[in-house]
All heavy atoms as atom14 arrays in JSON, in Angstrom:
{
  "sequence": "GVLASDLEDPKLPNNNTKLPEYETLLPWVLAHNRRMLVQQQLLA",
  "atom14_mask": [
    [1, 1, 1, 1, 0, 0, 0, 0, 0, 0, 0, 0, 0, 0],
    [1, 1, 1, 1, 1, 1, 1, 0, 0, 0, 0, 0, 0, 0],
    [1, 1, 1, 1, 1, 1, 1, 1, 0, 0, 0, 0, 0, 0],
    [1, 1, 1, 1, 1, 0, 0, 0, 0, 0, 0, 0, 0, 0],
    [1, 1, 1, 1, 1, 1, 0, 0, 0, 0, 0, 0, 0, 0],
    [1, 1, 1, 1, 1, 1, 1, 1, 0, 0, 0, 0, 0, 0],
    [1, 1, 1, 1, 1, 1, 1, 1, 0, 0, 0, 0, 0, 0],
    [1, 1, 1, 1, 1, 1, 1, 1, 1, 0, 0, 0, 0, 0],
    [1, 1, 1, 1, 1, 1, 1, 1, 0, 0, 0, 0, 0, 0],
    [1, 1, 1, 1, 1, 1, 1, 0, 0, 0, 0, 0, 0, 0],
    [1, 1, 1, 1, 1, 1, 1, 1, 1, 0, 0, 0, 0, 0],
    [1, 1, 1, 1, 1, 1, 1, 1, 0, 0, 0, 0, 0, 0],
    [1, 1, 1, 1, 1, 1, 1, 0, 0, 0, 0, 0, 0, 0],
    [1, 1, 1, 1, 1, 1, 1, 1, 0, 0, 0, 0, 0, 0],
    [1, 1, 1, 1, 1, 1, 1, 1, 0, 0, 0, 0, 0, 0],
    [1, 1, 1, 1, 1, 1, 1, 1, 0, 0, 0, 0, 0, 0],
    [1, 1, 1, 1, 1, 1, 1, 0, 0, 0, 0, 0, 0, 0],
    [1, 1, 1, 1, 1, 1, 1, 1, 1, 0, 0, 0, 0, 0],
    [1, 1, 1, 1, 1, 1, 1, 1, 0, 0, 0, 0, 0, 0],
    [1, 1, 1, 1, 1, 1, 1, 0, 0, 0, 0, 0, 0, 0],
    [1, 1, 1, 1, 1, 1, 1, 1, 1, 0, 0, 0, 0, 0],
    [1, 1, 1, 1, 1, 1, 1, 1, 1, 1, 1, 1, 0, 0],
    [1, 1, 1, 1, 1, 1, 1, 1, 1, 0, 0, 0, 0, 0],
    [1, 1, 1, 1, 1, 1, 1, 0, 0, 0, 0, 0, 0, 0],
    [1, 1, 1, 1, 1, 1, 1, 1, 0, 0, 0, 0, 0, 0],
    [1, 1, 1, 1, 1, 1, 1, 1, 0, 0, 0, 0, 0, 0],
    [1, 1, 1, 1, 1, 1, 1, 0, 0, 0, 0, 0, 0, 0],
    [1, 1, 1, 1, 1, 1, 1, 1, 1, 1, 1, 1, 1, 1],
    [1, 1, 1, 1, 1, 1, 1, 0, 0, 0, 0, 0, 0, 0],
    [1, 1, 1, 1, 1, 1, 1, 1, 0, 0, 0, 0, 0, 0],
    [1, 1, 1, 1, 1, 0, 0, 0, 0, 0, 0, 0, 0, 0],
    [1, 1, 1, 1, 1, 1, 1, 1, 1, 1, 0, 0, 0, 0],
    [1, 1, 1, 1, 1, 1, 1, 1, 0, 0, 0, 0, 0, 0],
    [1, 1, 1, 1, 1, 1, 1, 1, 1, 1, 1, 0, 0, 0],
    [1, 1, 1, 1, 1, 1, 1, 1, 1, 1, 1, 0, 0, 0],
    [1, 1, 1, 1, 1, 1, 1, 1, 0, 0, 0, 0, 0, 0],
    [1, 1, 1, 1, 1, 1, 1, 1, 0, 0, 0, 0, 0, 0],
    [1, 1, 1, 1, 1, 1, 1, 0, 0, 0, 0, 0, 0, 0],
    [1, 1, 1, 1, 1, 1, 1, 1, 1, 0, 0, 0, 0, 0],
    [1, 1, 1, 1, 1, 1, 1, 1, 1, 0, 0, 0, 0, 0],
    [1, 1, 1, 1, 1, 1, 1, 1, 1, 0, 0, 0, 0, 0],
    [1, 1, 1, 1, 1, 1, 1, 1, 0, 0, 0, 0, 0, 0],
    [1, 1, 1, 1, 1, 1, 1, 1, 0, 0, 0, 0, 0, 0],
    [1, 1, 1, 1, 1, 0, 0, 0, 0, 0, 0, 0, 0, 0]
  ],
  "atom14_positions": [
    [[-27.19, 14.76, 16.37], [-27.97, 15.17, 17.53], [-27.23, 16.04, 18.51], [-27.86, 16.65, 19.38], [0.0, 0.0, 0.0], [0.0, 0.0, 0.0], [0.0, 0.0, 0.0], [0.0, 0.0, 0.0], [0.0, 0.0, 0.0], [0.0, 0.0, 0.0], [0.0, 0.0, 0.0], [0.0, 0.0, 0.0], [0.0, 0.0, 0.0], [0.0, 0.0, 0.0]],
    [[-25.91, 16.15, 18.4], [-25.12, 17.0, 19.3], [-24.88, 18.32, 18.58], [-23.95, 18.46, 17.78], [-23.78, 16.33, 19.68], [-23.0, 17.2, 20.66], [-24.02, 14.95, 20.27], [0.0, 0.0, 0.0], [0.0, 0.0, 0.0], [0.0, 0.0, 0.0], [0.0, 0.0, 0.0], [0.0, 0.0, 0.0], [0.0, 0.0, 0.0], [0.0, 0.0, 0.0]],
    [[-25.72, 19.3, 18.85], [-25.68, 20.57, 18.13], [-24.76, 21.55, 18.84], [-24.9, 21.77, 20.05], [-27.08, 21.17, 18.01], [-28.16, 20.25, 17.41], [-29.44, 21.02, 17.22], [-27.69, 19.64, 16.1], [0.0, 0.0, 0.0], [0.0, 0.0, 0.0], [0.0, 0.0, 0.0], [0.0, 0.0, 0.0], [0.0, 0.0, 0.0], [0.0, 0.0, 0.0]],
    [[-23.82, 22.12, 18.1], [-22.9, 23.11, 18.67], [-23.66, 24.42, 18.91], [-24.39, 24.89, 18.02], [-21.73, 23.35, 17.73], [0.0, 0.0, 0.0], [0.0, 0.0, 0.0], [0.0, 0.0, 0.0], [0.0, 0.0, 0.0], [0.0, 0.0, 0.0], [0.0, 0.0, 0.0], [0.0, 0.0, 0.0], [0.0, 0.0, 0.0], [0.0, 0.0, 0.0]],
    [[-23.49, 24.99, 20.09], [-24.2, 26.24, 20.39], [-23.46, 27.45, 19.82], [-24.06, 28.32, 19.2], [-24.35, 26.4, 21.91], [-23.09, 26.36, 22.54], [0.0, 0.0, 0.0], [0.0, 0.0, 0.0], [0.0, 0.0, 0.0], [0.0, 0.0, 0.0], [0.0, 0.0, 0.0], [0.0, 0.0, 0.0], [0.0, 0.0, 0.0], [0.0, 0.0, 0.0]],
    [[-22.14, 27.49, 20.01], [-21.35, 28.63, 19.54], [-20.18, 28.15, 18.7], [-19.54, 27.15, 19.01], [-20.82, 29.45, 20.73], [-21.94, 30.08, 21.52], [-22.8, 30.73, 20.9], [-21.98, 29.89, 22.75], [0.0, 0.0, 0.0], [0.0, 0.0, 0.0], [0.0, 0.0, 0.0], [0.0, 0.0, 0.0], [0.0, 0.0, 0.0], [0.0, 0.0, 0.0]],
    [[-19.88, 28.89, 17.64], [-18.75, 28.61, 16.77], [-17.86, 29.84, 16.71], [-18.35, 30.97, 16.67], [-19.2, 28.25, 15.35], [-19.55, 26.8, 15.06], [-20.78, 26.36, 15.85], [-19.79, 26.59, 13.57], [0.0, 0.0, 0.0], [0.0, 0.0, 0.0], [0.0, 0.0, 0.0], [0.0, 0.0, 0.0], [0.0, 0.0, 0.0], [0.0, 0.0, 0.0]],
    [[-16.57, 29.6, 16.71], [-15.62, 30.7, 16.59], [-15.44, 31.09, 15.12], [-15.28, 30.22, 14.27], [-14.28, 30.3, 17.2], [-13.22, 31.39, 17.15], [-11.89, 30.91, 17.69], [-11.76, 30.8, 18.93], [-10.98, 30.61, 16.88], [0.0, 0.0, 0.0], [0.0, 0.0, 0.0], [0.0, 0.0, 0.0], [0.0, 0.0, 0.0], [0.0, 0.0, 0.0]],
    [[-15.45, 32.36, 14.84], [-15.24, 32.84, 13.48], [-13.75, 32.75, 13.15], [-12.94, 33.44, 13.77], [-15.73, 34.28, 13.34], [-15.85, 34.72, 11.89], [-15.66, 33.87, 11.0], [-16.14, 35.89, 11.65], [0.0, 0.0, 0.0], [0.0, 0.0, 0.0], [0.0, 0.0, 0.0], [0.0, 0.0, 0.0], [0.0, 0.0, 0.0], [0.0, 0.0, 0.0]],
    [[-13.33, 31.89, 12.21], [-11.89, 31.71, 11.94], [-11.28, 32.92, 11.25], [-11.96, 33.69, 10.59], [-11.86, 30.47, 11.04], [-13.18, 30.49, 10.35], [-14.16, 31.06, 11.33], [0.0, 0.0, 0.0], [0.0, 0.0, 0.0], [0.0, 0.0, 0.0], [0.0, 0.0, 0.0], [0.0, 0.0, 0.0], [0.0, 0.0, 0.0], [0.0, 0.0, 0.0]],
    [[-9.97, 33.06, 11.38], [-9.26, 34.2, 10.79], [-8.93, 33.98, 9.31], [-8.8, 34.93, 8.56], [-7.99, 34.5, 11.59], [-8.27, 34.88, 13.05], [-7.03, 35.35, 13.76], [-7.33, 35.68, 15.22], [-8.33, 36.75, 15.37], [0.0, 0.0, 0.0], [0.0, 0.0, 0.0], [0.0, 0.0, 0.0], [0.0, 0.0, 0.0], [0.0, 0.0, 0.0]],
    [[-8.7, 32.74, 8.87], [-8.48, 32.38, 7.47], [-7.3, 33.15, 6.86], [-7.44, 33.87, 5.87], [-9.76, 32.64, 6.65], [-11.03, 31.97, 7.21], [-12.23, 32.38, 6.38], [-10.87, 30.47, 7.22], [0.0, 0.0, 0.0], [0.0, 0.0, 0.0], [0.0, 0.0, 0.0], [0.0, 0.0, 0.0], [0.0, 0.0, 0.0], [0.0, 0.0, 0.0]],
    [[-6.09, 32.99, 7.41], [-4.93, 33.73, 6.87], [-4.52, 33.31, 5.47], [-3.85, 34.08, 4.77], [-3.82, 33.42, 7.9], [-4.22, 32.09, 8.48], [-5.71, 32.1, 8.52], [0.0, 0.0, 0.0], [0.0, 0.0, 0.0], [0.0, 0.0, 0.0], [0.0, 0.0, 0.0], [0.0, 0.0, 0.0], [0.0, 0.0, 0.0], [0.0, 0.0, 0.0]],
    [[-4.89, 32.1, 5.04], [-4.48, 31.64, 3.71], [-5.28, 32.26, 2.57], [-4.99, 32.0, 1.41], [-4.62, 30.11, 3.63], [-3.63, 29.39, 4.5], [-2.54, 29.9, 4.77], [-3.99, 28.21, 4.98], [0.0, 0.0, 0.0], [0.0, 0.0, 0.0], [0.0, 0.0, 0.0], [0.0, 0.0, 0.0], [0.0, 0.0, 0.0], [0.0, 0.0, 0.0]],
    [[-6.26, 33.08, 2.9], [-7.11, 33.65, 1.86], [-6.39, 34.65, 0.96], [-6.9, 35.03, -0.09], [-8.34, 34.32, 2.48], [-9.42, 33.31, 2.81], [-9.2, 32.1, 2.75], [-10.59, 33.78, 3.16], [0.0, 0.0, 0.0], [0.0, 0.0, 0.0], [0.0, 0.0, 0.0], [0.0, 0.0, 0.0], [0.0, 0.0, 0.0], [0.0, 0.0, 0.0]],
    [[-5.19, 35.08, 1.37], [-4.41, 36.01, 0.55], [-3.33, 35.3, -0.26], [-2.44, 35.94, -0.8], [-3.77, 37.08, 1.44], [-4.81, 37.94, 2.13], [-5.8, 38.35, 1.53], [-4.6, 38.21, 3.42], [0.0, 0.0, 0.0], [0.0, 0.0, 0.0], [0.0, 0.0, 0.0], [0.0, 0.0, 0.0], [0.0, 0.0, 0.0], [0.0, 0.0, 0.0]],
    [[-3.43, 33.98, -0.34], [-2.41, 33.18, -1.01], [-2.32, 33.53, -2.49], [-3.33, 33.67, -3.18], [-2.72, 31.68, -0.85], [-2.7, 31.35, 0.54], [-1.71, 30.84, -1.6], [0.0, 0.0, 0.0], [0.0, 0.0, 0.0], [0.0, 0.0, 0.0], [0.0, 0.0, 0.0], [0.0, 0.0, 0.0], [0.0, 0.0, 0.0], [0.0, 0.0, 0.0]],
    [[-1.09, 33.62, -2.99], [-0.85, 33.82, -4.42], [-0.67, 32.46, -5.08], [0.14, 31.64, -4.63], [0.39, 34.68, -4.65], [0.67, 34.93, -6.13], [1.93, 35.76, -6.32], [2.22, 35.96, -7.81], [3.47, 36.74, -8.04], [0.0, 0.0, 0.0], [0.0, 0.0, 0.0], [0.0, 0.0, 0.0], [0.0, 0.0, 0.0], [0.0, 0.0, 0.0]],
    [[-1.4, 32.2, -6.14], [-1.42, 30.89, -6.77], [-0.74, 30.91, -8.13], [-0.68, 31.97, -8.79], [-2.87, 30.42, -6.94], [-3.66, 30.26, -5.65], [-5.12, 29.94, -5.96], [-3.05, 29.2, -4.75], [0.0, 0.0, 0.0], [0.0, 0.0, 0.0], [0.0, 0.0, 0.0], [0.0, 0.0, 0.0], [0.0, 0.0, 0.0], [0.0, 0.0, 0.0]],
    [[-0.22, 29.76, -8.58], [0.37, 29.7, -9.93], [-0.68, 29.8, -11.01], [-1.88, 29.68, -10.76], [1.06, 28.33, -9.94], [0.34, 27.53, -8.9], [-0.12, 28.5, -7.85], [0.0, 0.0, 0.0], [0.0, 0.0, 0.0], [0.0, 0.0, 0.0], [0.0, 0.0, 0.0], [0.0, 0.0, 0.0], [0.0, 0.0, 0.0], [0.0, 0.0, 0.0]],
    [[-0.24, 29.99, -12.23], [-1.15, 30.07, -13.37], [-1.71, 28.68, -13.68], [-1.12, 27.65, -13.34], [-0.43, 30.63, -14.6], [0.04, 32.07, -14.44], [-1.12, 33.02, -14.23], [-2.2, 32.79, -14.84], [-0.96, 33.99, -13.45], [0.0, 0.0, 0.0], [0.0, 0.0, 0.0], [0.0, 0.0, 0.0], [0.0, 0.0, 0.0], [0.0, 0.0, 0.0]],
    [[-2.84, 28.67, -14.34], [-3.54, 27.42, -14.66], [-2.65, 26.49, -15.47], [-2.59, 25.28, -15.2], [-4.81, 27.76, -15.44], [-5.53, 26.56, -16.02], [-6.29, 25.73, -15.21], [-5.44, 26.25, -17.38], [-6.95, 24.63, -15.73], [-6.1, 25.16, -17.9], [-6.85, 24.35, -17.07], [-7.5, 23.27, -17.6], [0.0, 0.0, 0.0], [0.0, 0.0, 0.0]],
    [[-1.96, 27.03, -16.47], [-1.13, 26.19, -17.34], [0.01, 25.52, -16.58], [0.44, 24.42, -16.92], [-0.56, 27.03, -18.49], [-1.6, 27.5, -19.51], [-2.47, 28.63, -19.0], [-2.08, 29.25, -17.95], [-3.52, 28.91, -19.6], [0.0, 0.0, 0.0], [0.0, 0.0, 0.0], [0.0, 0.0, 0.0], [0.0, 0.0, 0.0], [0.0, 0.0, 0.0]],
    [[0.51, 26.2, -15.56], [1.57, 25.62, -14.73], [1.02, 24.58, -13.77], [1.64, 23.54, -13.53], [2.28, 26.73, -13.93], [2.83, 27.69, -14.84], [3.38, 26.17, -13.05], [0.0, 0.0, 0.0], [0.0, 0.0, 0.0], [0.0, 0.0, 0.0], [0.0, 0.0, 0.0], [0.0, 0.0, 0.0], [0.0, 0.0, 0.0], [0.0, 0.0, 0.0]],
    [[-0.14, 24.84, -13.24], [-0.72, 23.99, -12.19], [-1.35, 22.72, -12.74], [-1.33, 21.68, -12.07], [-1.75, 24.79, -11.41], [-2.22, 24.24, -10.06], [-1.04, 23.9, -9.16], [-3.16, 25.22, -9.38], [0.0, 0.0, 0.0], [0.0, 0.0, 0.0], [0.0, 0.0, 0.0], [0.0, 0.0, 0.0], [0.0, 0.0, 0.0], [0.0, 0.0, 0.0]],
    [[-1.91, 22.77, -13.96], [-2.68, 21.63, -14.47], [-1.89, 20.33, -14.51], [-2.34, 19.31, -13.97], [-3.25, 21.97, -15.85], [-4.04, 20.84, -16.52], [-5.22, 20.41, -15.65], [-4.51, 21.26, -17.9], [0.0, 0.0, 0.0], [0.0, 0.0, 0.0], [0.0, 0.0, 0.0], [0.0, 0.0, 0.0], [0.0, 0.0, 0.0], [0.0, 0.0, 0.0]],
    [[-0.71, 20.26, -15.17], [0.0, 18.97, -15.2], [0.41, 18.48, -13.82], [0.41, 17.28, -13.56], [1.23, 19.26, -16.08], [1.38, 20.75, -16.07], [0.02, 21.31, -15.93], [0.0, 0.0, 0.0], [0.0, 0.0, 0.0], [0.0, 0.0, 0.0], [0.0, 0.0, 0.0], [0.0, 0.0, 0.0], [0.0, 0.0, 0.0], [0.0, 0.0, 0.0]],
    [[0.72, 19.41, -12.93], [1.1, 19.03, -11.56], [-0.09, 18.44, -10.83], [0.04, 17.45, -10.11], [1.62, 20.28, -10.85], [2.3, 20.01, -9.55], [3.56, 19.53, -9.34], [1.74, 20.24, -8.25], [3.83, 19.45, -8.0], [2.73, 19.87, -7.3], [0.53, 20.72, -7.79], [2.52, 19.98, -5.93], [0.32, 20.82, -6.41], [1.3, 20.45, -5.51]],
    [[-1.27, 19.04, -11.0], [-2.48, 18.52, -10.35], [-2.84, 17.16, -10.92], [-3.2, 16.24, -10.16], [-3.64, 19.52, -10.52], [-4.97, 18.88, -10.14], [-3.41, 20.76, -9.68], [0.0, 0.0, 0.0], [0.0, 0.0, 0.0], [0.0, 0.0, 0.0], [0.0, 0.0, 0.0], [0.0, 0.0, 0.0], [0.0, 0.0, 0.0], [0.0, 0.0, 0.0]],
    [[-2.76, 17.0, -12.23], [-3.09, 15.71, -12.84], [-2.16, 14.6, -12.35], [-2.56, 13.43, -12.28], [-3.02, 15.81, -14.36], [-4.12, 16.64, -15.03], [-3.83, 16.79, -16.52], [-5.49, 16.01, -14.82], [0.0, 0.0, 0.0], [0.0, 0.0, 0.0], [0.0, 0.0, 0.0], [0.0, 0.0, 0.0], [0.0, 0.0, 0.0], [0.0, 0.0, 0.0]],
    [[-0.94, 14.96, -11.99], [0.03, 13.96, -11.52], [-0.19, 13.59, -10.07], [0.27, 12.52, -9.63], [1.45, 14.48, -11.71], [0.0, 0.0, 0.0], [0.0, 0.0, 0.0], [0.0, 0.0, 0.0], [0.0, 0.0, 0.0], [0.0, 0.0, 0.0], [0.0, 0.0, 0.0], [0.0, 0.0, 0.0], [0.0, 0.0, 0.0], [0.0, 0.0, 0.0]],
    [[-0.89, 14.44, -9.29], [-1.03, 14.19, -7.86], [-2.47, 14.02, -7.41], [-2.7, 13.66, -6.24], [-0.39, 15.34, -7.06], [1.08, 15.49, -7.27], [1.63, 16.29, -8.23], [2.13, 14.91, -6.62], [2.95, 16.22, -8.18], [3.28, 15.39, -7.21], [0.0, 0.0, 0.0], [0.0, 0.0, 0.0], [0.0, 0.0, 0.0], [0.0, 0.0, 0.0]],
    [[-3.42, 14.28, -8.28], [-4.82, 14.17, -7.89], [-5.12, 12.74, -7.42], [-4.8, 11.77, -8.11], [-5.73, 14.55, -9.05], [-7.2, 14.43, -8.71], [-7.8, 13.39, -8.92], [-7.77, 15.48, -8.19], [0.0, 0.0, 0.0], [0.0, 0.0, 0.0], [0.0, 0.0, 0.0], [0.0, 0.0, 0.0], [0.0, 0.0, 0.0], [0.0, 0.0, 0.0]],
    [[-5.76, 12.61, -6.26], [-5.96, 11.27, -5.69], [-6.9, 10.42, -6.53], [-6.69, 9.22, -6.67], [-6.49, 11.41, -4.26], [-5.53, 12.14, -3.33], [-5.9, 11.88, -1.88], [-5.25, 12.82, -0.98], [-3.99, 12.76, -0.6], [-3.21, 11.8, -1.06], [-3.49, 13.66, 0.24], [0.0, 0.0, 0.0], [0.0, 0.0, 0.0], [0.0, 0.0, 0.0]],
    [[-7.93, 11.02, -7.08], [-8.85, 10.23, -7.9], [-8.18, 9.77, -9.19], [-8.46, 8.65, -9.66], [-10.1, 11.06, -8.21], [-10.93, 11.36, -6.97], [-12.23, 12.05, -7.29], [-13.0, 12.29, -6.07], [-14.19, 12.84, -6.04], [-14.76, 13.24, -7.17], [-14.82, 13.03, -4.89], [0.0, 0.0, 0.0], [0.0, 0.0, 0.0], [0.0, 0.0, 0.0]],
    [[-7.31, 10.59, -9.73], [-6.56, 10.15, -10.91], [-5.61, 9.03, -10.54], [-5.43, 8.07, -11.31], [-5.81, 11.33, -11.51], [-5.03, 10.98, -12.78], [-6.09, 10.31, -14.1], [-6.91, 11.81, -14.63], [0.0, 0.0, 0.0], [0.0, 0.0, 0.0], [0.0, 0.0, 0.0], [0.0, 0.0, 0.0], [0.0, 0.0, 0.0], [0.0, 0.0, 0.0]],
    [[-4.98, 9.11, -9.37], [-4.1, 8.03, -8.92], [-4.87, 6.74, -8.73], [-4.38, 5.65, -9.06], [-3.41, 8.44, -7.62], [-2.4, 9.59, -7.72], [-1.87, 9.95, -6.33], [-1.24, 9.22, -8.64], [0.0, 0.0, 0.0], [0.0, 0.0, 0.0], [0.0, 0.0, 0.0], [0.0, 0.0, 0.0], [0.0, 0.0, 0.0], [0.0, 0.0, 0.0]],
    [[-6.09, 6.84, -8.19], [-6.94, 5.66, -8.04], [-7.2, 5.03, -9.4], [-7.07, 3.81, -9.58], [-8.27, 6.04, -7.36], [-9.27, 4.89, -7.45], [-8.03, 6.41, -5.91], [0.0, 0.0, 0.0], [0.0, 0.0, 0.0], [0.0, 0.0, 0.0], [0.0, 0.0, 0.0], [0.0, 0.0, 0.0], [0.0, 0.0, 0.0], [0.0, 0.0, 0.0]],
    [[-7.56, 5.86, -10.38], [-7.88, 5.34, -11.71], [-6.66, 4.7, -12.35], [-6.76, 3.65, -13.01], [-8.41, 6.48, -12.59], [-9.25, 6.04, -13.76], [-10.61, 5.52, -13.36], [-11.03, 5.67, -12.21], [-11.31, 4.89, -14.27], [0.0, 0.0, 0.0], [0.0, 0.0, 0.0], [0.0, 0.0, 0.0], [0.0, 0.0, 0.0], [0.0, 0.0, 0.0]],
    [[-5.5, 5.29, -12.17], [-4.28, 4.72, -12.75], [-3.93, 3.38, -12.1], [-3.48, 2.45, -12.79], [-3.14, 5.72, -12.59], [-3.27, 6.96, -13.46], [-2.24, 8.02, -13.15], [-1.53, 7.95, -12.14], [-2.14, 9.03, -14.0], [0.0, 0.0, 0.0], [0.0, 0.0, 0.0], [0.0, 0.0, 0.0], [0.0, 0.0, 0.0], [0.0, 0.0, 0.0]],
    [[-4.15, 3.27, -10.81], [-3.88, 2.0, -10.13], [-4.86, 0.92, -10.58], [-4.49, -0.25, -10.74], [-3.96, 2.19, -8.61], [-2.84, 3.02, -8.02], [-1.5, 2.31, -8.08], [-1.42, 1.09, -8.25], [-0.43, 3.07, -7.96], [0.0, 0.0, 0.0], [0.0, 0.0, 0.0], [0.0, 0.0, 0.0], [0.0, 0.0, 0.0], [0.0, 0.0, 0.0]],
    [[-6.11, 1.31, -10.8], [-7.09, 0.34, -11.29], [-6.74, -0.12, -12.7], [-6.92, -1.29, -13.05], [-8.49, 0.96, -11.26], [-9.07, 1.24, -9.87], [-10.43, 1.91, -9.99], [-9.19, -0.04, -9.05], [0.0, 0.0, 0.0], [0.0, 0.0, 0.0], [0.0, 0.0, 0.0], [0.0, 0.0, 0.0], [0.0, 0.0, 0.0], [0.0, 0.0, 0.0]],
    [[-6.24, 0.79, -13.52], [-5.78, 0.41, -14.86], [-4.6, -0.55, -14.77], [-4.53, -1.53, -15.52], [-5.39, 1.66, -15.65], [-6.54, 2.46, -16.29], [-6.03, 3.81, -16.78], [-7.15, 1.68, -17.44], [0.0, 0.0, 0.0], [0.0, 0.0, 0.0], [0.0, 0.0, 0.0], [0.0, 0.0, 0.0], [0.0, 0.0, 0.0], [0.0, 0.0, 0.0]],
    [[-3.67, -0.27, -13.86], [-2.52, -1.17, -13.69], [-2.98, -2.55, -13.24], [-2.45, -3.58, -13.7], [-1.54, -0.57, -12.69], [0.0, 0.0, 0.0], [0.0, 0.0, 0.0], [0.0, 0.0, 0.0], [0.0, 0.0, 0.0], [0.0, 0.0, 0.0], [0.0, 0.0, 0.0], [0.0, 0.0, 0.0], [0.0, 0.0, 0.0], [0.0, 0.0, 0.0]]
  ]
}
């Protein structure tokens, strides 16, 4: 019910970020993904 009248348009400086390749990132993401950590703890 509290509607914002004006919003500032953000600058978004991270939009030019250079990212690693998929093959490099996948095992790292699987090791740190929170939902995967939840599942591993439930298995334990």
